[in-house]
Amino acid sequence: MTAIFDEGVPLDLLPILRKAGCDVVGFPNRWKGTKNGRLVQLVESEGFTCLLTSDKNLPHQQNLAGRSFAIVVLPSPRLAELKVIVSRIVDAVVTAKPGHVTLVER
């Protein structure tokens, strides 16, 4: 399962999640400024199985039914807050189901 960061997720979280065993990549520079509808298409067409985002509105703006990837919504875009819940983030990514949204709690 390969997850990808949304634009608002701090890149400094990347090595922390990788060290915890999560297969994750950062947000591609070429996608910067991409609107959510197009982002959903790109995530799916590139074969990612999970999108990590701190945008709590994204799941409500996009229909994920039938999509081949999951969305994991982080509680904050702040690295300090995310570092203390790394195990919950990894668990959410590993157990995420395509077409579903998982909210990670603080």
PDB file of N, CA and C in Angstrom:
ATOM      1  N   MET A   1       0.844  -1.169   0.000  1.00  0.00           N
ATOM      2  CA  MET A   1       0.000   0.000   0.000  1.00  0.00           C
ATOM      3  C   MET A   1       0.893   1.236   0.000  1.00  0.00           C
ATOM      4  N   THR A   2       0.768   2.081  -1.002  1.00  0.00           N
ATOM      5  CA  THR A   2       1.548   3.307  -1.073  1.00  0.00           C
ATOM      6  C   THR A   2       0.643   4.508  -0.866  1.00  0.00           C
ATOM      7  N   ALA A   3       0.968   5.283   0.145  1.00  0.00           N
ATOM      8  CA  ALA A   3       0.206   6.485   0.461  1.00  0.00           C
ATOM      9  C   ALA A   3       0.937   7.707  -0.087  1.00  0.00           C
ATOM     10  N   ILE A   4       0.187   8.765  -0.302  1.00  0.00           N
ATOM     11  CA  ILE A   4       0.760  10.023  -0.773  1.00  0.00           C
ATOM     12  C   ILE A   4       0.238  11.159   0.096  1.00  0.00           C
ATOM     13  N   PHE A   5       1.102  12.111   0.366  1.00  0.00           N
ATOM     14  CA  PHE A   5       0.708  13.301   1.118  1.00  0.00           C
ATOM     15  C   PHE A   5      -0.095  14.243   0.240  1.00  0.00           C
ATOM     16  N   ASP A   6      -1.032  14.934   0.840  1.00  0.00           N
ATOM     17  CA  ASP A   6      -1.683  16.079   0.224  1.00  0.00           C
ATOM     18  C   ASP A   6      -0.734  17.266   0.412  1.00  0.00           C
ATOM     19  N   GLU A   7      -1.007  18.329  -0.289  1.00  0.00           N
ATOM     20  CA  GLU A   7      -0.133  19.504  -0.265  1.00  0.00           C
ATOM     21  C   GLU A   7       0.030  20.109   1.135  1.00  0.00           C
ATOM     22  N   GLY A   8      -0.974  20.007   1.992  1.00  0.00           N
ATOM     23  CA  GLY A   8      -0.924  20.636   3.305  1.00  0.00           C
ATOM     24  C   GLY A   8      -0.258  19.823   4.402  1.00  0.00           C
ATOM     25  N   VAL A   9       0.154  18.608   4.102  1.00  0.00           N
ATOM     26  CA  VAL A   9       0.794  17.758   5.115  1.00  0.00           C
ATOM     27  C   VAL A   9       2.288  18.101   5.158  1.00  0.00           C
ATOM     28  N   PRO A  10       2.835  18.354   6.350  1.00  0.00           N
ATOM     29  CA  PRO A  10       4.247  18.751   6.438  1.00  0.00           C
ATOM     30  C   PRO A  10       5.195  17.647   5.960  1.00  0.00           C
ATOM     31  N   LEU A  11       6.105  18.025   5.070  1.00  0.00           N
ATOM     32  CA  LEU A  11       7.058  17.052   4.517  1.00  0.00           C
ATOM     33  C   LEU A  11       7.965  16.444   5.577  1.00  0.00           C
ATOM     34  N   ASP A  12       8.178  17.151   6.678  1.00  0.00           N
ATOM     35  CA  ASP A  12       9.019  16.606   7.750  1.00  0.00           C
ATOM     36  C   ASP A  12       8.401  15.370   8.395  1.00  0.00           C
ATOM     37  N   LEU A  13       7.130  15.123   8.137  1.00  0.00           N
ATOM     38  CA  LEU A  13       6.470  13.922   8.652  1.00  0.00           C
ATOM     39  C   LEU A  13       6.859  12.684   7.834  1.00  0.00           C
ATOM     40  N   LEU A  14       7.307  12.891   6.613  1.00  0.00           N
ATOM     41  CA  LEU A  14       7.634  11.796   5.696  1.00  0.00           C
ATOM     42  C   LEU A  14       8.652  10.809   6.280  1.00  0.00           C
ATOM     43  N   PRO A  15       9.843  11.250   6.702  1.00  0.00           N
ATOM     44  CA  PRO A  15      10.808  10.278   7.238  1.00  0.00           C
ATOM     45  C   PRO A  15      10.334   9.615   8.530  1.00  0.00           C
ATOM     46  N   ILE A  16       9.526  10.313   9.297  1.00  0.00           N
ATOM     47  CA  ILE A  16       9.008   9.749  10.547  1.00  0.00           C
ATOM     48  C   ILE A  16       8.067   8.590  10.245  1.00  0.00           C
ATOM     49  N   LEU A  17       7.174   8.783   9.273  1.00  0.00           N
ATOM     50  CA  LEU A  17       6.246   7.711   8.894  1.00  0.00           C
ATOM     51  C   LEU A  17       6.979   6.552   8.236  1.00  0.00           C
ATOM     52  N   ARG A  18       7.972   6.858   7.417  1.00  0.00           N
ATOM     53  CA  ARG A  18       8.747   5.786   6.774  1.00  0.00           C
ATOM     54  C   ARG A  18       9.477   4.945   7.816  1.00  0.00           C
ATOM     55  N   LYS A  19      10.063   5.609   8.798  1.00  0.00           N
ATOM     56  CA  LYS A  19      10.774   4.897   9.865  1.00  0.00           C
ATOM     57  C   LYS A  19       9.817   4.004  10.653  1.00  0.00           C
ATOM     58  N   ALA A  20       8.553   4.425  10.740  1.00  0.00           N
ATOM     59  CA  ALA A  20       7.531   3.642  11.450  1.00  0.00           C
ATOM     60  C   ALA A  20       6.959   2.528  10.578  1.00  0.00           C
ATOM     61  N   GLY A  21       7.472   2.394   9.343  1.00  0.00           N
ATOM     62  CA  GLY A  21       7.057   1.296   8.481  1.00  0.00           C
ATOM     63  C   GLY A  21       5.977   1.617   7.473  1.00  0.00           C
ATOM     64  N   CYS A  22       5.702   2.888   7.288  1.00  0.00           N
ATOM     65  CA  CYS A  22       4.649   3.298   6.359  1.00  0.00           C
ATOM     66  C   CYS A  22       5.257   3.594   4.984  1.00  0.00           C
ATOM     67  N   ASP A  23       4.694   3.013   3.939  1.00  0.00           N
ATOM     68  CA  ASP A  23       5.132   3.271   2.569  1.00  0.00           C
ATOM     69  C   ASP A  23       4.414   4.530   2.088  1.00  0.00           C
ATOM     70  N   VAL A  24       5.126   5.652   2.099  1.00  0.00           N
ATOM     71  CA  VAL A  24       4.495   6.939   1.809  1.00  0.00           C
ATOM     72  C   VAL A  24       5.439   7.820   0.996  1.00  0.00           C
ATOM     73  N   VAL A  25       4.862   8.648   0.132  1.00  0.00           N
ATOM     74  CA  VAL A  25       5.641   9.595  -0.672  1.00  0.00           C
ATOM     75  C   VAL A  25       5.085  11.000  -0.449  1.00  0.00           C
ATOM     76  N   GLY A  26       5.942  11.976  -0.687  1.00  0.00           N
ATOM     77  CA  GLY A  26       5.541  13.372  -0.532  1.00  0.00           C
ATOM     78  C   GLY A  26       4.703  13.859  -1.700  1.00  0.00           C
ATOM     79  N   PHE A  27       4.134  15.014  -1.523  1.00  0.00           N
ATOM     80  CA  PHE A  27       3.302  15.628  -2.549  1.00  0.00           C
ATOM     81  C   PHE A  27       4.196  16.097  -3.698  1.00  0.00           C
ATOM     82  N   PRO A  28       3.912  15.669  -4.930  1.00  0.00           N
ATOM     83  CA  PRO A  28       4.758  16.047  -6.068  1.00  0.00           C
ATOM     84  C   PRO A  28       4.672  17.549  -6.374  1.00  0.00           C
ATOM     85  N   ASN A  29       5.812  18.166  -6.641  1.00  0.00           N
ATOM     86  CA  ASN A  29       5.834  19.591  -6.985  1.00  0.00           C
ATOM     87  C   ASN A  29       4.946  19.907  -8.183  1.00  0.00           C
ATOM     88  N   ARG A  30       4.902  19.003  -9.138  1.00  0.00           N
ATOM     89  CA  ARG A  30       4.117  19.255 -10.351  1.00  0.00           C
ATOM     90  C   ARG A  30       2.614  19.300 -10.071  1.00  0.00           C
ATOM     91  N   TRP A  31       2.183  18.822  -8.915  1.00  0.00           N
ATOM     92  CA  TRP A  31       0.765  18.839  -8.551  1.00  0.00           C
ATOM     93  C   TRP A  31       0.386  20.055  -7.719  1.00  0.00           C
ATOM     94  N   LYS A  32       1.348  20.888  -7.351  1.00  0.00           N
ATOM     95  CA  LYS A  32       1.056  22.043  -6.483  1.00  0.00           C
ATOM     96  C   LYS A  32      -0.054  22.898  -7.088  1.00  0.00           C
ATOM     97  N   GLY A  33      -0.982  23.303  -6.240  1.00  0.00           N
ATOM     98  CA  GLY A  33      -2.087  24.147  -6.681  1.00  0.00           C
ATOM     99  C   GLY A  33      -3.236  23.400  -7.331  1.00  0.00           C
ATOM    100  N   THR A  34      -3.138  22.072  -7.404  1.00  0.00           N
ATOM    101  CA  THR A  34      -4.182  21.256  -8.031  1.00  0.00           C
ATOM    102  C   THR A  34      -5.456  21.291  -7.186  1.00  0.00           C
ATOM    103  N   LYS A  35      -6.582  21.512  -7.821  1.00  0.00           N
ATOM    104  CA  LYS A  35      -7.878  21.509  -7.133  1.00  0.00           C
ATOM    105  C   LYS A  35      -8.228  20.082  -6.711  1.00  0.00           C
ATOM    106  N   ASN A  36      -9.060  19.971  -5.683  1.00  0.00           N
ATOM    107  CA  ASN A  36      -9.373  18.662  -5.100  1.00  0.00           C
ATOM    108  C   ASN A  36      -9.938  17.651  -6.092  1.00  0.00           C
ATOM    109  N   GLY A  37     -10.815  18.076  -6.997  1.00  0.00           N
ATOM    110  CA  GLY A  37     -11.386  17.148  -7.973  1.00  0.00           C
ATOM    111  C   GLY A  37     -10.316  16.516  -8.848  1.00  0.00           C
ATOM    112  N   ARG A  38      -9.418  17.339  -9.339  1.00  0.00           N
ATOM    113  CA  ARG A  38      -8.315  16.845 -10.170  1.00  0.00           C
ATOM    114  C   ARG A  38      -7.338  16.018  -9.328  1.00  0.00           C
ATOM    115  N   LEU A  39      -7.116  16.429  -8.090  1.00  0.00           N
ATOM    116  CA  LEU A  39      -6.222  15.694  -7.193  1.00  0.00           C
ATOM    117  C   LEU A  39      -6.707  14.263  -7.000  1.00  0.00           C
ATOM    118  N   VAL A  40      -7.991  14.100  -6.784  1.00  0.00           N
ATOM    119  CA  VAL A  40      -8.579  12.765  -6.619  1.00  0.00           C
ATOM    120  C   VAL A  40      -8.307  11.920  -7.866  1.00  0.00           C
ATOM    121  N   GLN A  41      -8.462  12.512  -9.034  1.00  0.00           N
ATOM    122  CA  GLN A  41      -8.189  11.791 -10.285  1.00  0.00           C
ATOM    123  C   GLN A  41      -6.720  11.391 -10.387  1.00  0.00           C
ATOM    124  N   LEU A  42      -5.829  12.304 -10.036  1.00  0.00           N
ATOM    125  CA  LEU A  42      -4.393  12.022 -10.117  1.00  0.00           C
ATOM    126  C   LEU A  42      -3.970  10.929  -9.144  1.00  0.00           C
ATOM    127  N   VAL A  43      -4.460  11.005  -7.918  1.00  0.00           N
ATOM    128  CA  VAL A  43      -4.120   9.986  -6.915  1.00  0.00           C
ATOM    129  C   VAL A  43      -4.524   8.611  -7.432  1.00  0.00           C
ATOM    130  N   GLU A  44      -5.713   8.524  -7.989  1.00  0.00           N
ATOM    131  CA  GLU A  44      -6.201   7.238  -8.491  1.00  0.00           C
ATOM    132  C   GLU A  44      -5.429   6.787  -9.731  1.00  0.00           C
ATOM    133  N   SER A  45      -5.216   7.684 -10.684  1.00  0.00           N
ATOM    134  CA  SER A  45      -4.548   7.289 -11.930  1.00  0.00           C
ATOM    135  C   SER A  45      -3.080   6.926 -11.719  1.00  0.00           C
ATOM    136  N   GLU A  46      -2.459   7.490 -10.689  1.00  0.00           N
ATOM    137  CA  GLU A  46      -1.058   7.171 -10.387  1.00  0.00           C
ATOM    138  C   GLU A  46      -0.921   5.901  -9.554  1.00  0.00           C
ATOM    139  N   GLY A  47      -2.042   5.319  -9.139  1.00  0.00           N
ATOM    140  CA  GLY A  47      -2.013   4.036  -8.446  1.00  0.00           C
ATOM    141  C   GLY A  47      -1.781   4.090  -6.946  1.00  0.00           C
ATOM    142  N   PHE A  48      -1.917   5.263  -6.350  1.00  0.00           N
ATOM    143  CA  PHE A  48      -1.772   5.349  -4.897  1.00  0.00           C
ATOM    144  C   PHE A  48      -2.992   4.725  -4.238  1.00  0.00           C
ATOM    145  N   THR A  49      -2.782   4.151  -3.072  1.00  0.00           N
ATOM    146  CA  THR A  49      -3.891   3.483  -2.389  1.00  0.00           C
ATOM    147  C   THR A  49      -4.439   4.291  -1.223  1.00  0.00           C
ATOM    148  N   CYS A  50      -3.748   5.393  -0.890  1.00  0.00           N
ATOM    149  CA  CYS A  50      -4.204   6.213   0.236  1.00  0.00           C
ATOM    150  C   CYS A  50      -3.708   7.646   0.061  1.00  0.00           C
ATOM    151  N   LEU A  51      -4.580   8.597   0.348  1.00  0.00           N
ATOM    152  CA  LEU A  51      -4.224  10.014   0.355  1.00  0.00           C
ATOM    153  C   LEU A  51      -4.277  10.508   1.793  1.00  0.00           C
ATOM    154  N   LEU A  52      -3.144  11.001   2.288  1.00  0.00           N
ATOM    155  CA  LEU A  52      -3.075  11.593   3.627  1.00  0.00           C
ATOM    156  C   LEU A  52      -3.290  13.091   3.495  1.00  0.00           C
ATOM    157  N   THR A  53      -4.282  13.619   4.191  1.00  0.00           N
ATOM    158  CA  THR A  53      -4.596  15.040   4.096  1.00  0.00           C
ATOM    159  C   THR A  53      -4.951  15.611   5.457  1.00  0.00           C
ATOM    160  N   SER A  54      -4.767  16.905   5.601  1.00  0.00           N
ATOM    161  CA  SER A  54      -5.250  17.594   6.803  1.00  0.00           C
ATOM    162  C   SER A  54      -6.468  18.446   6.450  1.00  0.00           C
ATOM    163  N   ASP A  55      -6.922  18.332   5.205  1.00  0.00           N
ATOM    164  CA  ASP A  55      -8.100  19.068   4.722  1.00  0.00           C
ATOM    165  C   ASP A  55      -9.361  18.301   5.116  1.00  0.00           C
ATOM    166  N   LYS A  56      -9.984  18.730   6.188  1.00  0.00           N
ATOM    167  CA  LYS A  56     -11.172  18.036   6.691  1.00  0.00           C
ATOM    168  C   LYS A  56     -12.373  18.163   5.759  1.00  0.00           C
ATOM    169  N   ASN A  57     -12.326  19.101   4.820  1.00  0.00           N
ATOM    170  CA  ASN A  57     -13.433  19.297   3.881  1.00  0.00           C
ATOM    171  C   ASN A  57     -13.346  18.395   2.656  1.00  0.00           C
ATOM    172  N   LEU A  58     -12.153  17.953   2.314  1.00  0.00           N
ATOM    173  CA  LEU A  58     -11.966  17.163   1.089  1.00  0.00           C
ATOM    174  C   LEU A  58     -12.905  15.962   0.993  1.00  0.00           C
ATOM    175  N   PRO A  59     -13.061  15.157   2.039  1.00  0.00           N
ATOM    176  CA  PRO A  59     -13.959  13.997   1.914  1.00  0.00           C
ATOM    177  C   PRO A  59     -15.416  14.378   1.659  1.00  0.00           C
ATOM    178  N   HIS A  60     -15.809  15.569   2.093  1.00  0.00           N
ATOM    179  CA  HIS A  60     -17.195  16.005   1.900  1.00  0.00           C
ATOM    180  C   HIS A  60     -17.405  16.632   0.524  1.00  0.00           C
ATOM    181  N   GLN A  61     -16.313  17.029  -0.118  1.00  0.00           N
ATOM    182  CA  GLN A  61     -16.392  17.674  -1.424  1.00  0.00           C
ATOM    183  C   GLN A  61     -16.284  16.678  -2.573  1.00  0.00           C
ATOM    184  N   GLN A  62     -15.773  15.491  -2.293  1.00  0.00           N
ATOM    185  CA  GLN A  62     -15.521  14.510  -3.346  1.00  0.00           C
ATOM    186  C   GLN A  62     -16.251  13.206  -3.049  1.00  0.00           C
ATOM    187  N   ASN A  63     -16.817  12.620  -4.082  1.00  0.00           N
ATOM    188  CA  ASN A  63     -17.479  11.324  -3.948  1.00  0.00           C
ATOM    189  C   ASN A  63     -16.417  10.234  -4.087  1.00  0.00           C
ATOM    190  N   LEU A  64     -16.208   9.490  -3.026  1.00  0.00           N
ATOM    191  CA  LEU A  64     -15.183   8.443  -3.044  1.00  0.00           C
ATOM    192  C   LEU A  64     -15.736   7.065  -3.358  1.00  0.00           C
ATOM    193  N   ALA A  65     -17.035   6.947  -3.453  1.00  0.00           N
ATOM    194  CA  ALA A  65     -17.649   5.640  -3.728  1.00  0.00           C
ATOM    195  C   ALA A  65     -17.053   5.045  -5.000  1.00  0.00           C
ATOM    196  N   GLY A  66     -16.570   3.823  -4.887  1.00  0.00           N
ATOM    197  CA  GLY A  66     -16.009   3.127  -6.039  1.00  0.00           C
ATOM    198  C   GLY A  66     -14.575   3.501  -6.366  1.00  0.00           C
ATOM    199  N   ARG A  67     -13.991   4.415  -5.622  1.00  0.00           N
ATOM    200  CA  ARG A  67     -12.598   4.803  -5.878  1.00  0.00           C
ATOM    201  C   ARG A  67     -11.650   3.703  -5.396  1.00  0.00           C
ATOM    202  N   SER A  68     -10.470   3.658  -6.003  1.00  0.00           N
ATOM    203  CA  SER A  68      -9.499   2.608  -5.683  1.00  0.00           C
ATOM    204  C   SER A  68      -8.538   3.003  -4.565  1.00  0.00           C
ATOM    205  N   PHE A  69      -8.788   4.127  -3.934  1.00  0.00           N
ATOM    206  CA  PHE A  69      -7.921   4.567  -2.844  1.00  0.00           C
ATOM    207  C   PHE A  69      -8.753   5.080  -1.674  1.00  0.00           C
ATOM    208  N   ALA A  70      -8.094   5.175  -0.533  1.00  0.00           N
ATOM    209  CA  ALA A  70      -8.730   5.672   0.688  1.00  0.00           C
ATOM    210  C   ALA A  70      -8.194   7.062   1.007  1.00  0.00           C
ATOM    211  N   ILE A  71      -8.914   7.764   1.860  1.00  0.00           N
ATOM    212  CA  ILE A  71      -8.431   9.042   2.376  1.00  0.00           C
ATOM    213  C   ILE A  71      -8.289   8.915   3.888  1.00  0.00           C
ATOM    214  N   VAL A  72      -7.131   9.331   4.384  1.00  0.00           N
ATOM    215  CA  VAL A  72      -6.895   9.405   5.821  1.00  0.00           C
ATOM    216  C   VAL A  72      -6.762  10.886   6.163  1.00  0.00           C
ATOM    217  N   VAL A  73      -7.672  11.361   7.014  1.00  0.00           N
ATOM    218  CA  VAL A  73      -7.693  12.774   7.388  1.00  0.00           C
ATOM    219  C   VAL A  73      -6.974  12.950   8.721  1.00  0.00           C
ATOM    220  N   LEU A  74      -5.929  13.751   8.690  1.00  0.00           N
ATOM    221  CA  LEU A  74      -5.146  14.036   9.885  1.00  0.00           C
ATOM    222  C   LEU A  74      -5.810  15.161  10.676  1.00  0.00           C
ATOM    223  N   PRO A  75      -5.631  15.179  11.995  1.00  0.00           N
ATOM    224  CA  PRO A  75      -6.315  16.176  12.816  1.00  0.00           C
ATOM    225  C   PRO A  75      -5.721  17.581  12.728  1.00  0.00           C
ATOM    226  N   SER A  76      -4.534  17.696  12.133  1.00  0.00           N
ATOM    227  CA  SER A  76      -3.836  18.977  12.118  1.00  0.00           C
ATOM    228  C   SER A  76      -2.754  18.957  11.040  1.00  0.00           C
ATOM    229  N   PRO A  77      -2.377  20.121  10.525  1.00  0.00           N
ATOM    230  CA  PRO A  77      -1.228  20.189   9.624  1.00  0.00           C
ATOM    231  C   PRO A  77       0.078  20.480  10.374  1.00  0.00           C
ATOM    232  N   ARG A  78       0.032  20.505  11.697  1.00  0.00           N
ATOM    233  CA  ARG A  78       1.196  20.867  12.508  1.00  0.00           C
ATOM    234  C   ARG A  78       2.023  19.627  12.869  1.00  0.00           C
ATOM    235  N   LEU A  79       3.294  19.661  12.489  1.00  0.00           N
ATOM    236  CA  LEU A  79       4.182  18.524  12.709  1.00  0.00           C
ATOM    237  C   LEU A  79       4.247  18.116  14.179  1.00  0.00           C
ATOM    238  N   ALA A  80       4.351  19.080  15.075  1.00  0.00           N
ATOM    239  CA  ALA A  80       4.462  18.758  16.505  1.00  0.00           C
ATOM    240  C   ALA A  80       3.269  17.936  16.984  1.00  0.00           C
ATOM    241  N   GLU A  81       2.086  18.248  16.497  1.00  0.00           N
ATOM    242  CA  GLU A  81       0.887  17.503  16.895  1.00  0.00           C
ATOM    243  C   GLU A  81       0.844  16.124  16.244  1.00  0.00           C
ATOM    244  N   LEU A  82       1.347  16.027  15.033  1.00  0.00           N
ATOM    245  CA  LEU A  82       1.306  14.757  14.304  1.00  0.00           C
ATOM    246  C   LEU A  82       2.357  13.768  14.813  1.00  0.00           C
ATOM    247  N   LYS A  83       3.492  14.272  15.260  1.00  0.00           N
ATOM    248  CA  LYS A  83       4.565  13.395  15.743  1.00  0.00           C
ATOM    249  C   LYS A  83       4.122  12.525  16.912  1.00  0.00           C
ATOM    250  N   VAL A  84       3.247  13.036  17.754  1.00  0.00           N
ATOM    251  CA  VAL A  84       2.838  12.270  18.940  1.00  0.00           C
ATOM    252  C   VAL A  84       1.770  11.221  18.627  1.00  0.00           C
ATOM    253  N   ILE A  85       1.245  11.232  17.407  1.00  0.00           N
ATOM    254  CA  ILE A  85       0.218  10.246  17.032  1.00  0.00           C
ATOM    255  C   ILE A  85       0.638   9.425  15.813  1.00  0.00           C
ATOM    256  N   VAL A  86       1.942   9.306  15.601  1.00  0.00           N
ATOM    257  CA  VAL A  86       2.452   8.572  14.437  1.00  0.00           C
ATOM    258  C   VAL A  86       1.891   7.158  14.371  1.00  0.00           C
ATOM    259  N   SER A  87       1.839   6.462  15.491  1.00  0.00           N
ATOM    260  CA  SER A  87       1.336   5.080  15.462  1.00  0.00           C
ATOM    261  C   SER A  87      -0.121   5.040  15.005  1.00  0.00           C
ATOM    262  N   ARG A  88      -0.918   6.023  15.385  1.00  0.00           N
ATOM    263  CA  ARG A  88      -2.317   6.076  14.933  1.00  0.00           C
ATOM    264  C   ARG A  88      -2.410   6.369  13.443  1.00  0.00           C
ATOM    265  N   ILE A  89      -1.518   7.223  12.966  1.00  0.00           N
ATOM    266  CA  ILE A  89      -1.507   7.539  11.532  1.00  0.00           C
ATOM    267  C   ILE A  89      -1.145   6.294  10.729  1.00  0.00           C
ATOM    268  N   VAL A  90      -0.090   5.599  11.150  1.00  0.00           N
ATOM    269  CA  VAL A  90       0.334   4.377  10.453  1.00  0.00           C
ATOM    270  C   VAL A  90      -0.790   3.343  10.473  1.00  0.00           C
ATOM    271  N   ASP A  91      -1.409   3.137  11.615  1.00  0.00           N
ATOM    272  CA  ASP A  91      -2.531   2.187  11.707  1.00  0.00           C
ATOM    273  C   ASP A  91      -3.656   2.569  10.750  1.00  0.00           C
ATOM    274  N   ALA A  92      -3.959   3.860  10.668  1.00  0.00           N
ATOM    275  CA  ALA A  92      -5.032   4.322   9.783  1.00  0.00           C
ATOM    276  C   ALA A  92      -4.696   4.048   8.321  1.00  0.00           C
ATOM    277  N   VAL A  93      -3.445   4.277   7.941  1.00  0.00           N
ATOM    278  CA  VAL A  93      -3.031   4.032   6.554  1.00  0.00           C
ATOM    279  C   VAL A  93      -3.079   2.541   6.239  1.00  0.00           C
ATOM    280  N   VAL A  94      -2.570   1.723   7.143  1.00  0.00           N
ATOM    281  CA  VAL A  94      -2.507   0.272   6.921  1.00  0.00           C
ATOM    282  C   VAL A  94      -3.900  -0.348   6.834  1.00  0.00           C
ATOM    283  N   THR A  95      -4.834   0.151   7.616  1.00  0.00           N
ATOM    284  CA  THR A  95      -6.180  -0.440   7.644  1.00  0.00           C
ATOM    285  C   THR A  95      -7.181   0.275   6.738  1.00  0.00           C
ATOM    286  N   ALA A  96      -6.744   1.333   6.066  1.00  0.00           N
ATOM    287  CA  ALA A  96      -7.648   2.104   5.203  1.00  0.00           C
ATOM    288  C   ALA A  96      -8.204   1.235   4.078  1.00  0.00           C
ATOM    289  N   LYS A  97      -9.472   1.438   3.788  1.00  0.00           N
ATOM    290  CA  LYS A  97     -10.144   0.676   2.733  1.00  0.00           C
ATOM    291  C   LYS A  97     -10.474   1.594   1.560  1.00  0.00           C
ATOM    292  N   PRO A  98     -10.252   1.120   0.335  1.00  0.00           N
ATOM    293  CA  PRO A  98     -10.561   1.932  -0.842  1.00  0.00           C
ATOM    294  C   PRO A  98     -12.001   2.451  -0.810  1.00  0.00           C
ATOM    295  N   GLY A  99     -12.145   3.718  -1.188  1.00  0.00           N
ATOM    296  CA  GLY A  99     -13.464   4.325  -1.235  1.00  0.00           C
ATOM    297  C   GLY A  99     -13.975   4.823   0.101  1.00  0.00           C
ATOM    298  N   HIS A 100     -13.146   4.711   1.150  1.00  0.00           N
ATOM    299  CA  HIS A 100     -13.560   5.119   2.494  1.00  0.00           C
ATOM    300  C   HIS A 100     -12.650   6.217   3.047  1.00  0.00           C
ATOM    301  N   VAL A 101     -13.168   6.901   4.058  1.00  0.00           N
ATOM    302  CA  VAL A 101     -12.426   7.953   4.752  1.00  0.00           C
ATOM    303  C   VAL A 101     -12.194   7.511   6.191  1.00  0.00           C
ATOM    304  N   THR A 102     -10.965   7.697   6.672  1.00  0.00           N
ATOM    305  CA  THR A 102     -10.630   7.427   8.065  1.00  0.00           C
ATOM    306  C   THR A 102     -10.169   8.729   8.698  1.00  0.00           C
ATOM    307  N   LEU A 103     -10.768   9.076   9.824  1.00  0.00           N
ATOM    308  CA  LEU A 103     -10.362  10.266  10.568  1.00  0.00           C
ATOM    309  C   LEU A 103      -9.436   9.841  11.698  1.00  0.00           C
ATOM    310  N   VAL A 104      -8.252  10.433  11.746  1.00  0.00           N
ATOM    311  CA  VAL A 104      -7.305  10.144  12.820  1.00  0.00           C
ATOM    312  C   VAL A 104      -7.549  11.158  13.931  1.00  0.00           C
ATOM    313  N   GLU A 105      -7.742  10.659  15.139  1.00  0.00           N
ATOM    314  CA  GLU A 105      -8.002  11.531  16.295  1.00  0.00           C
ATOM    315  C   GLU A 105      -6.690  11.945  16.948  1.00  0.00           C
ATOM    316  N   ARG A 106      -6.742  13.055  17.657  1.00  0.00           N
ATOM    317  CA  ARG A 106      -5.542  13.541  18.367  1.00  0.00           C
ATOM    318  C   ARG A 106      -5.158  12.638  19.486  1.00  0.00           C
TER     319      ARG A 106
END
